Amino acid sequence: MTERDVILNELAQGLRPMAQGIEWFDALVPEKQSETLLFLRHHCVQARAVAEDGPESIRRAGLRPTHTPAVLITCGPIDQQLGKIARLAPVDERRKAFRLLVAVLAVADERRRERFCSGVCGHWWHRLDVADG
């Protein structure tokens, strides 16, 4: 587990404010931002994100439906669209992509917890709130 792993999972679980996450993301060099977005995309897939997660993720991310990442997530197979979102290059689009991918991870992981991890599971990221409190 790296600092990045912890930060991203705390953001997805609402244990860290998004404003703090955006500040952290903005401080990364462009190469590390790209790596972080691809990392988030991977975790969204691992959490079993589905196309139906798009609208709720857009809402949670605070994006307008016309923002590029919001349009992308609603226009095709989720795995492909998450990859396109993670590869957005302009700085303002990267920030929106970051917010959206964190929200997708949050929605998908909440469902995963309910269906597969209720009670006790071995995922370290599902014990962050216990470790901190």
N, C-alpha and C. Protein backbone atom coordinates (compact mmCIF):
# COMPACT_ATOMS: atom_id res chain seq x y z
N MET A 1 0.84 -1.17 0.00
CA MET A 1 0.00 0.00 0.00
C MET A 1 0.89 1.23 0.00
N THR A 2 0.61 2.14 -0.93
CA THR A 2 1.37 3.39 -1.04
C THR A 2 0.53 4.56 -0.53
N GLU A 3 1.18 5.70 -0.39
CA GLU A 3 0.45 6.90 0.02
C GLU A 3 -0.67 7.20 -0.99
N ARG A 4 -0.37 7.03 -2.28
CA ARG A 4 -1.38 7.26 -3.32
C ARG A 4 -2.57 6.35 -3.12
N ASP A 5 -2.33 5.06 -2.83
CA ASP A 5 -3.41 4.10 -2.60
C ASP A 5 -4.32 4.58 -1.48
N VAL A 6 -3.71 5.00 -0.39
CA VAL A 6 -4.47 5.43 0.78
C VAL A 6 -5.28 6.68 0.46
N ILE A 7 -4.64 7.67 -0.15
CA ILE A 7 -5.33 8.92 -0.48
C ILE A 7 -6.53 8.65 -1.37
N LEU A 8 -6.34 7.89 -2.43
CA LEU A 8 -7.44 7.65 -3.37
C LEU A 8 -8.58 6.88 -2.72
N ASN A 9 -8.27 5.92 -1.91
CA ASN A 9 -9.32 5.16 -1.23
C ASN A 9 -10.02 5.99 -0.16
N GLU A 10 -9.28 6.85 0.52
CA GLU A 10 -9.91 7.75 1.50
C GLU A 10 -10.86 8.72 0.79
N LEU A 11 -10.46 9.21 -0.38
CA LEU A 11 -11.33 10.08 -1.15
C LEU A 11 -12.60 9.35 -1.58
N ALA A 12 -12.44 8.15 -2.10
CA ALA A 12 -13.59 7.38 -2.57
C ALA A 12 -14.55 7.03 -1.43
N GLN A 13 -14.02 6.86 -0.24
CA GLN A 13 -14.85 6.49 0.90
C GLN A 13 -15.36 7.70 1.68
N GLY A 14 -15.02 8.90 1.23
CA GLY A 14 -15.45 10.10 1.91
C GLY A 14 -14.72 10.36 3.21
N LEU A 15 -13.57 9.72 3.41
CA LEU A 15 -12.78 9.92 4.62
C LEU A 15 -11.82 11.10 4.48
N ARG A 16 -11.70 11.62 3.28
CA ARG A 16 -10.83 12.78 3.00
C ARG A 16 -11.64 13.69 2.09
N PRO A 17 -11.66 14.99 2.34
CA PRO A 17 -12.44 15.91 1.49
C PRO A 17 -11.87 15.99 0.07
N MET A 18 -12.77 16.08 -0.89
CA MET A 18 -12.34 16.16 -2.29
C MET A 18 -11.45 17.37 -2.54
N ALA A 19 -11.71 18.48 -1.86
CA ALA A 19 -10.86 19.67 -2.05
C ALA A 19 -9.40 19.34 -1.73
N GLN A 20 -9.19 18.55 -0.70
CA GLN A 20 -7.84 18.13 -0.34
C GLN A 20 -7.27 17.19 -1.42
N GLY A 21 -8.12 16.33 -1.97
CA GLY A 21 -7.69 15.43 -3.03
C GLY A 21 -7.29 16.19 -4.29
N ILE A 22 -8.05 17.20 -4.64
CA ILE A 22 -7.74 17.99 -5.82
C ILE A 22 -6.44 18.77 -5.60
N GLU A 23 -6.25 19.28 -4.42
CA GLU A 23 -4.99 19.98 -4.10
C GLU A 23 -3.81 19.03 -4.25
N TRP A 24 -3.96 17.81 -3.75
CA TRP A 24 -2.91 16.79 -3.88
C TRP A 24 -2.65 16.47 -5.35
N PHE A 25 -3.73 16.25 -6.11
CA PHE A 25 -3.63 15.90 -7.53
C PHE A 25 -2.97 17.03 -8.32
N ASP A 26 -3.39 18.28 -8.07
CA ASP A 26 -2.82 19.43 -8.78
C ASP A 26 -1.32 19.59 -8.52
N ALA A 27 -0.86 19.14 -7.35
CA ALA A 27 0.56 19.27 -7.01
C ALA A 27 1.43 18.23 -7.72
N LEU A 28 0.81 17.22 -8.31
CA LEU A 28 1.57 16.20 -9.03
C LEU A 28 2.06 16.73 -10.38
N VAL A 29 3.22 16.28 -10.81
CA VAL A 29 3.68 16.63 -12.16
C VAL A 29 2.77 15.92 -13.16
N PRO A 30 2.67 16.44 -14.40
CA PRO A 30 1.75 15.85 -15.37
C PRO A 30 1.90 14.33 -15.55
N GLU A 31 3.13 13.84 -15.54
CA GLU A 31 3.34 12.39 -15.71
C GLU A 31 2.69 11.61 -14.56
N LYS A 32 2.84 12.11 -13.34
CA LYS A 32 2.25 11.45 -12.17
C LYS A 32 0.73 11.59 -12.17
N GLN A 33 0.22 12.70 -12.70
CA GLN A 33 -1.22 12.84 -12.83
C GLN A 33 -1.77 11.77 -13.77
N SER A 34 -1.08 11.58 -14.90
CA SER A 34 -1.50 10.56 -15.86
C SER A 34 -1.47 9.17 -15.23
N GLU A 35 -0.40 8.87 -14.50
CA GLU A 35 -0.30 7.58 -13.82
C GLU A 35 -1.44 7.40 -12.82
N THR A 36 -1.76 8.46 -12.10
CA THR A 36 -2.82 8.41 -11.10
C THR A 36 -4.17 8.15 -11.75
N LEU A 37 -4.44 8.83 -12.86
CA LEU A 37 -5.71 8.61 -13.56
C LEU A 37 -5.81 7.18 -14.09
N LEU A 38 -4.73 6.66 -14.64
CA LEU A 38 -4.74 5.27 -15.12
C LEU A 38 -4.89 4.29 -13.96
N PHE A 39 -4.28 4.59 -12.85
CA PHE A 39 -4.40 3.78 -11.64
C PHE A 39 -5.86 3.77 -11.16
N LEU A 40 -6.49 4.95 -11.15
CA LEU A 40 -7.89 5.04 -10.75
C LEU A 40 -8.77 4.25 -11.71
N ARG A 41 -8.50 4.36 -12.99
CA ARG A 41 -9.27 3.60 -14.00
C ARG A 41 -9.18 2.11 -13.69
N HIS A 42 -8.00 1.63 -13.39
CA HIS A 42 -7.80 0.22 -13.07
C HIS A 42 -8.63 -0.17 -11.84
N HIS A 43 -8.61 0.66 -10.82
CA HIS A 43 -9.37 0.35 -9.61
C HIS A 43 -10.87 0.39 -9.85
N CYS A 44 -11.34 1.26 -10.72
CA CYS A 44 -12.76 1.28 -11.07
C CYS A 44 -13.16 -0.03 -11.73
N VAL A 45 -12.32 -0.52 -12.62
CA VAL A 45 -12.59 -1.80 -13.28
C VAL A 45 -12.57 -2.93 -12.26
N GLN A 46 -11.57 -2.92 -11.37
CA GLN A 46 -11.47 -3.96 -10.34
C GLN A 46 -12.66 -3.94 -9.39
N ALA A 47 -13.22 -2.76 -9.15
CA ALA A 47 -14.39 -2.63 -8.27
C ALA A 47 -15.69 -2.97 -9.02
N ARG A 48 -15.55 -3.36 -10.27
CA ARG A 48 -16.67 -3.79 -11.12
C ARG A 48 -17.63 -2.65 -11.46
N ALA A 49 -17.07 -1.51 -11.87
CA ALA A 49 -17.89 -0.39 -12.32
C ALA A 49 -18.72 -0.84 -13.52
N VAL A 50 -19.94 -0.35 -13.58
CA VAL A 50 -20.85 -0.67 -14.69
C VAL A 50 -21.37 0.64 -15.28
N ALA A 51 -21.90 0.57 -16.49
CA ALA A 51 -22.38 1.76 -17.18
C ALA A 51 -23.41 2.52 -16.36
N GLU A 52 -24.22 1.82 -15.61
CA GLU A 52 -25.26 2.45 -14.80
C GLU A 52 -24.68 3.31 -13.68
N ASP A 53 -23.39 3.17 -13.38
CA ASP A 53 -22.74 4.00 -12.36
C ASP A 53 -22.49 5.42 -12.86
N GLY A 54 -22.56 5.62 -14.17
CA GLY A 54 -22.23 6.92 -14.75
C GLY A 54 -23.01 8.10 -14.20
N PRO A 55 -24.34 8.08 -14.27
CA PRO A 55 -25.10 9.25 -13.80
C PRO A 55 -24.85 9.60 -12.33
N GLU A 56 -24.82 8.61 -11.45
CA GLU A 56 -24.58 8.87 -10.04
C GLU A 56 -23.15 9.39 -9.83
N SER A 57 -22.21 8.86 -10.59
CA SER A 57 -20.82 9.32 -10.47
C SER A 57 -20.67 10.76 -10.93
N ILE A 58 -21.36 11.11 -12.01
CA ILE A 58 -21.34 12.50 -12.50
C ILE A 58 -21.90 13.43 -11.43
N ARG A 59 -23.00 13.02 -10.82
CA ARG A 59 -23.63 13.83 -9.76
C ARG A 59 -22.68 14.01 -8.59
N ARG A 60 -22.09 12.90 -8.12
CA ARG A 60 -21.18 12.97 -6.97
C ARG A 60 -19.93 13.79 -7.27
N ALA A 61 -19.47 13.74 -8.52
CA ALA A 61 -18.27 14.49 -8.90
C ALA A 61 -18.56 15.98 -9.05
N GLY A 62 -19.84 16.34 -9.09
CA GLY A 62 -20.21 17.74 -9.25
C GLY A 62 -19.95 18.27 -10.65
N LEU A 63 -20.02 17.38 -11.63
CA LEU A 63 -19.79 17.79 -13.02
C LEU A 63 -21.11 18.06 -13.72
N ARG A 64 -21.07 18.92 -14.71
CA ARG A 64 -22.23 19.12 -15.57
C ARG A 64 -22.23 17.99 -16.59
N PRO A 65 -23.39 17.60 -17.05
CA PRO A 65 -23.47 16.51 -18.05
C PRO A 65 -22.75 16.84 -19.35
N THR A 66 -22.46 18.12 -19.58
CA THR A 66 -21.77 18.52 -20.81
C THR A 66 -20.25 18.52 -20.69
N HIS A 67 -19.73 18.34 -19.48
CA HIS A 67 -18.27 18.26 -19.32
C HIS A 67 -17.76 17.01 -20.03
N THR A 68 -16.61 17.12 -20.64
CA THR A 68 -16.07 16.02 -21.45
C THR A 68 -16.05 14.67 -20.73
N PRO A 69 -15.53 14.56 -19.50
CA PRO A 69 -15.53 13.25 -18.84
C PRO A 69 -16.95 12.71 -18.63
N ALA A 70 -17.90 13.61 -18.34
CA ALA A 70 -19.29 13.19 -18.13
C ALA A 70 -19.91 12.67 -19.43
N VAL A 71 -19.60 13.33 -20.53
CA VAL A 71 -20.10 12.87 -21.83
C VAL A 71 -19.50 11.50 -22.15
N LEU A 72 -18.20 11.38 -21.94
CA LEU A 72 -17.52 10.12 -22.28
C LEU A 72 -18.09 8.93 -21.50
N ILE A 73 -18.35 9.11 -20.21
CA ILE A 73 -18.75 7.97 -19.40
C ILE A 73 -20.13 7.43 -19.81
N THR A 74 -20.89 8.25 -20.52
CA THR A 74 -22.24 7.83 -20.91
C THR A 74 -22.31 7.36 -22.36
N CYS A 75 -21.17 7.29 -23.04
CA CYS A 75 -21.19 7.03 -24.50
C CYS A 75 -20.48 5.75 -24.93
N GLY A 76 -20.68 4.66 -24.25
CA GLY A 76 -20.07 3.43 -24.72
C GLY A 76 -19.73 2.49 -23.59
N PRO A 77 -19.07 1.39 -23.94
CA PRO A 77 -18.69 0.40 -22.93
C PRO A 77 -17.83 1.04 -21.83
N ILE A 78 -18.19 0.79 -20.59
CA ILE A 78 -17.58 1.46 -19.44
C ILE A 78 -16.06 1.29 -19.41
N ASP A 79 -15.55 0.09 -19.69
CA ASP A 79 -14.11 -0.12 -19.64
C ASP A 79 -13.38 0.79 -20.63
N GLN A 80 -13.90 0.88 -21.84
CA GLN A 80 -13.29 1.73 -22.86
C GLN A 80 -13.38 3.21 -22.48
N GLN A 81 -14.54 3.61 -21.99
CA GLN A 81 -14.76 5.01 -21.65
C GLN A 81 -13.90 5.45 -20.48
N LEU A 82 -13.73 4.58 -19.49
CA LEU A 82 -12.86 4.91 -18.36
C LEU A 82 -11.43 5.15 -18.84
N GLY A 83 -10.98 4.36 -19.80
CA GLY A 83 -9.65 4.56 -20.37
C GLY A 83 -9.53 5.89 -21.08
N LYS A 84 -10.56 6.28 -21.83
CA LYS A 84 -10.54 7.58 -22.53
C LYS A 84 -10.52 8.72 -21.51
N ILE A 85 -11.30 8.58 -20.46
CA ILE A 85 -11.33 9.61 -19.42
C ILE A 85 -9.96 9.73 -18.76
N ALA A 86 -9.34 8.61 -18.47
CA ALA A 86 -8.03 8.62 -17.80
C ALA A 86 -6.94 9.22 -18.68
N ARG A 87 -7.16 9.25 -19.98
CA ARG A 87 -6.13 9.76 -20.90
C ARG A 87 -6.36 11.21 -21.33
N LEU A 88 -7.35 11.88 -20.76
CA LEU A 88 -7.58 13.28 -21.12
C LEU A 88 -6.34 14.10 -20.76
N ALA A 89 -5.94 14.99 -21.66
CA ALA A 89 -4.68 15.70 -21.48
C ALA A 89 -4.79 17.12 -20.91
N PRO A 90 -5.75 17.94 -21.35
CA PRO A 90 -5.77 19.32 -20.82
C PRO A 90 -5.91 19.34 -19.29
N VAL A 91 -5.24 20.27 -18.65
CA VAL A 91 -5.21 20.32 -17.19
C VAL A 91 -6.61 20.39 -16.60
N ASP A 92 -7.48 21.26 -17.13
CA ASP A 92 -8.82 21.37 -16.55
C ASP A 92 -9.62 20.09 -16.77
N GLU A 93 -9.39 19.40 -17.86
CA GLU A 93 -10.08 18.12 -18.10
C GLU A 93 -9.54 17.03 -17.19
N ARG A 94 -8.24 17.07 -16.91
CA ARG A 94 -7.65 16.08 -15.99
C ARG A 94 -8.25 16.20 -14.61
N ARG A 95 -8.43 17.42 -14.16
CA ARG A 95 -9.01 17.65 -12.83
C ARG A 95 -10.44 17.10 -12.80
N LYS A 96 -11.22 17.33 -13.84
CA LYS A 96 -12.58 16.79 -13.92
C LYS A 96 -12.55 15.27 -13.99
N ALA A 97 -11.60 14.74 -14.77
CA ALA A 97 -11.44 13.29 -14.88
C ALA A 97 -11.12 12.68 -13.52
N PHE A 98 -10.26 13.34 -12.77
CA PHE A 98 -9.89 12.87 -11.43
C PHE A 98 -11.13 12.80 -10.55
N ARG A 99 -11.89 13.88 -10.51
CA ARG A 99 -13.10 13.91 -9.69
C ARG A 99 -14.08 12.81 -10.10
N LEU A 100 -14.25 12.63 -11.42
CA LEU A 100 -15.20 11.63 -11.89
C LEU A 100 -14.72 10.21 -11.58
N LEU A 101 -13.45 9.93 -11.82
CA LEU A 101 -12.95 8.58 -11.56
C LEU A 101 -12.99 8.24 -10.07
N VAL A 102 -12.74 9.20 -9.20
CA VAL A 102 -12.88 8.95 -7.76
C VAL A 102 -14.34 8.62 -7.46
N ALA A 103 -15.26 9.37 -8.07
CA ALA A 103 -16.69 9.11 -7.83
C ALA A 103 -17.11 7.74 -8.37
N VAL A 104 -16.62 7.36 -9.54
CA VAL A 104 -16.93 6.03 -10.08
C VAL A 104 -16.42 4.96 -9.13
N LEU A 105 -15.20 5.13 -8.64
CA LEU A 105 -14.65 4.17 -7.69
C LEU A 105 -15.53 4.11 -6.44
N ALA A 106 -15.98 5.25 -5.97
CA ALA A 106 -16.83 5.28 -4.77
C ALA A 106 -18.13 4.50 -4.99
N VAL A 107 -18.79 4.75 -6.11
CA VAL A 107 -20.07 4.10 -6.40
C VAL A 107 -19.88 2.59 -6.56
N ALA A 108 -18.89 2.21 -7.35
CA ALA A 108 -18.65 0.78 -7.60
C ALA A 108 -18.20 0.06 -6.34
N ASP A 109 -17.33 0.70 -5.55
CA ASP A 109 -16.83 0.04 -4.35
C ASP A 109 -17.90 -0.07 -3.28
N GLU A 110 -18.80 0.91 -3.20
CA GLU A 110 -19.92 0.81 -2.25
C GLU A 110 -20.76 -0.42 -2.57
N ARG A 111 -21.04 -0.62 -3.86
CA ARG A 111 -21.83 -1.79 -4.27
C ARG A 111 -21.06 -3.07 -3.96
N ARG A 112 -19.77 -3.05 -4.22
CA ARG A 112 -18.92 -4.23 -3.97
C ARG A 112 -18.93 -4.58 -2.48
N ARG A 113 -18.84 -3.56 -1.63
CA ARG A 113 -18.88 -3.79 -0.19
C ARG A 113 -20.19 -4.44 0.23
N GLU A 114 -21.29 -3.90 -0.29
CA GLU A 114 -22.61 -4.42 0.07
C GLU A 114 -22.79 -5.86 -0.37
N ARG A 115 -22.38 -6.18 -1.58
CA ARG A 115 -22.62 -7.50 -2.15
C ARG A 115 -21.60 -8.56 -1.74
N PHE A 116 -20.34 -8.17 -1.67
CA PHE A 116 -19.29 -9.17 -1.50
C PHE A 116 -18.47 -9.03 -0.22
N CYS A 117 -18.52 -7.87 0.41
CA CYS A 117 -17.63 -7.63 1.55
C CYS A 117 -18.38 -7.29 2.83
N SER A 118 -19.68 -7.56 2.85
CA SER A 118 -20.40 -7.24 4.08
C SER A 118 -19.89 -8.13 5.20
N GLY A 119 -19.79 -7.53 6.36
CA GLY A 119 -19.19 -8.26 7.47
C GLY A 119 -17.69 -8.08 7.44
N VAL A 120 -16.99 -9.16 7.27
CA VAL A 120 -15.52 -9.12 7.30
C VAL A 120 -14.97 -9.47 5.93
N CYS A 121 -13.99 -8.67 5.47
CA CYS A 121 -13.29 -8.99 4.23
C CYS A 121 -11.82 -8.72 4.45
N GLY A 122 -11.00 -9.15 3.54
CA GLY A 122 -9.56 -8.99 3.68
C GLY A 122 -8.99 -7.78 2.97
N HIS A 123 -9.85 -6.91 2.42
CA HIS A 123 -9.35 -5.74 1.69
C HIS A 123 -8.89 -4.68 2.67
N TRP A 124 -7.62 -4.30 2.61
CA TRP A 124 -7.08 -3.29 3.52
C TRP A 124 -7.81 -1.96 3.38
N TRP A 125 -8.22 -1.63 2.13
CA TRP A 125 -8.85 -0.34 1.89
C TRP A 125 -10.25 -0.26 2.50
N HIS A 126 -10.83 -1.39 2.85
CA HIS A 126 -12.14 -1.37 3.51
C HIS A 126 -12.00 -1.24 5.03
N ARG A 127 -10.78 -1.11 5.49
CA ARG A 127 -10.55 -0.95 6.94
C ARG A 127 -9.89 0.39 7.25
N LEU A 128 -9.88 1.32 6.31
CA LEU A 128 -9.23 2.61 6.55
C LEU A 128 -9.91 3.39 7.67
N ASP A 129 -11.24 3.38 7.70
CA ASP A 129 -11.94 4.13 8.73
C ASP A 129 -11.70 3.52 10.12
N VAL A 130 -11.49 2.23 10.18
CA VAL A 130 -11.19 1.55 11.45
C VAL A 130 -9.77 1.90 11.89
N ALA A 131 -8.85 1.93 10.93
CA ALA A 131 -7.44 2.20 11.24
C ALA A 131 -7.26 3.63 11.75
N ASP A 132 -8.08 4.56 11.23
CA ASP A 132 -7.94 5.96 11.64
C ASP A 132 -8.70 6.28 12.92
N GLY A 133 -9.72 5.52 13.22
CA GLY A 133 -10.55 5.89 14.35
C GLY A 133 -10.49 4.85 15.39
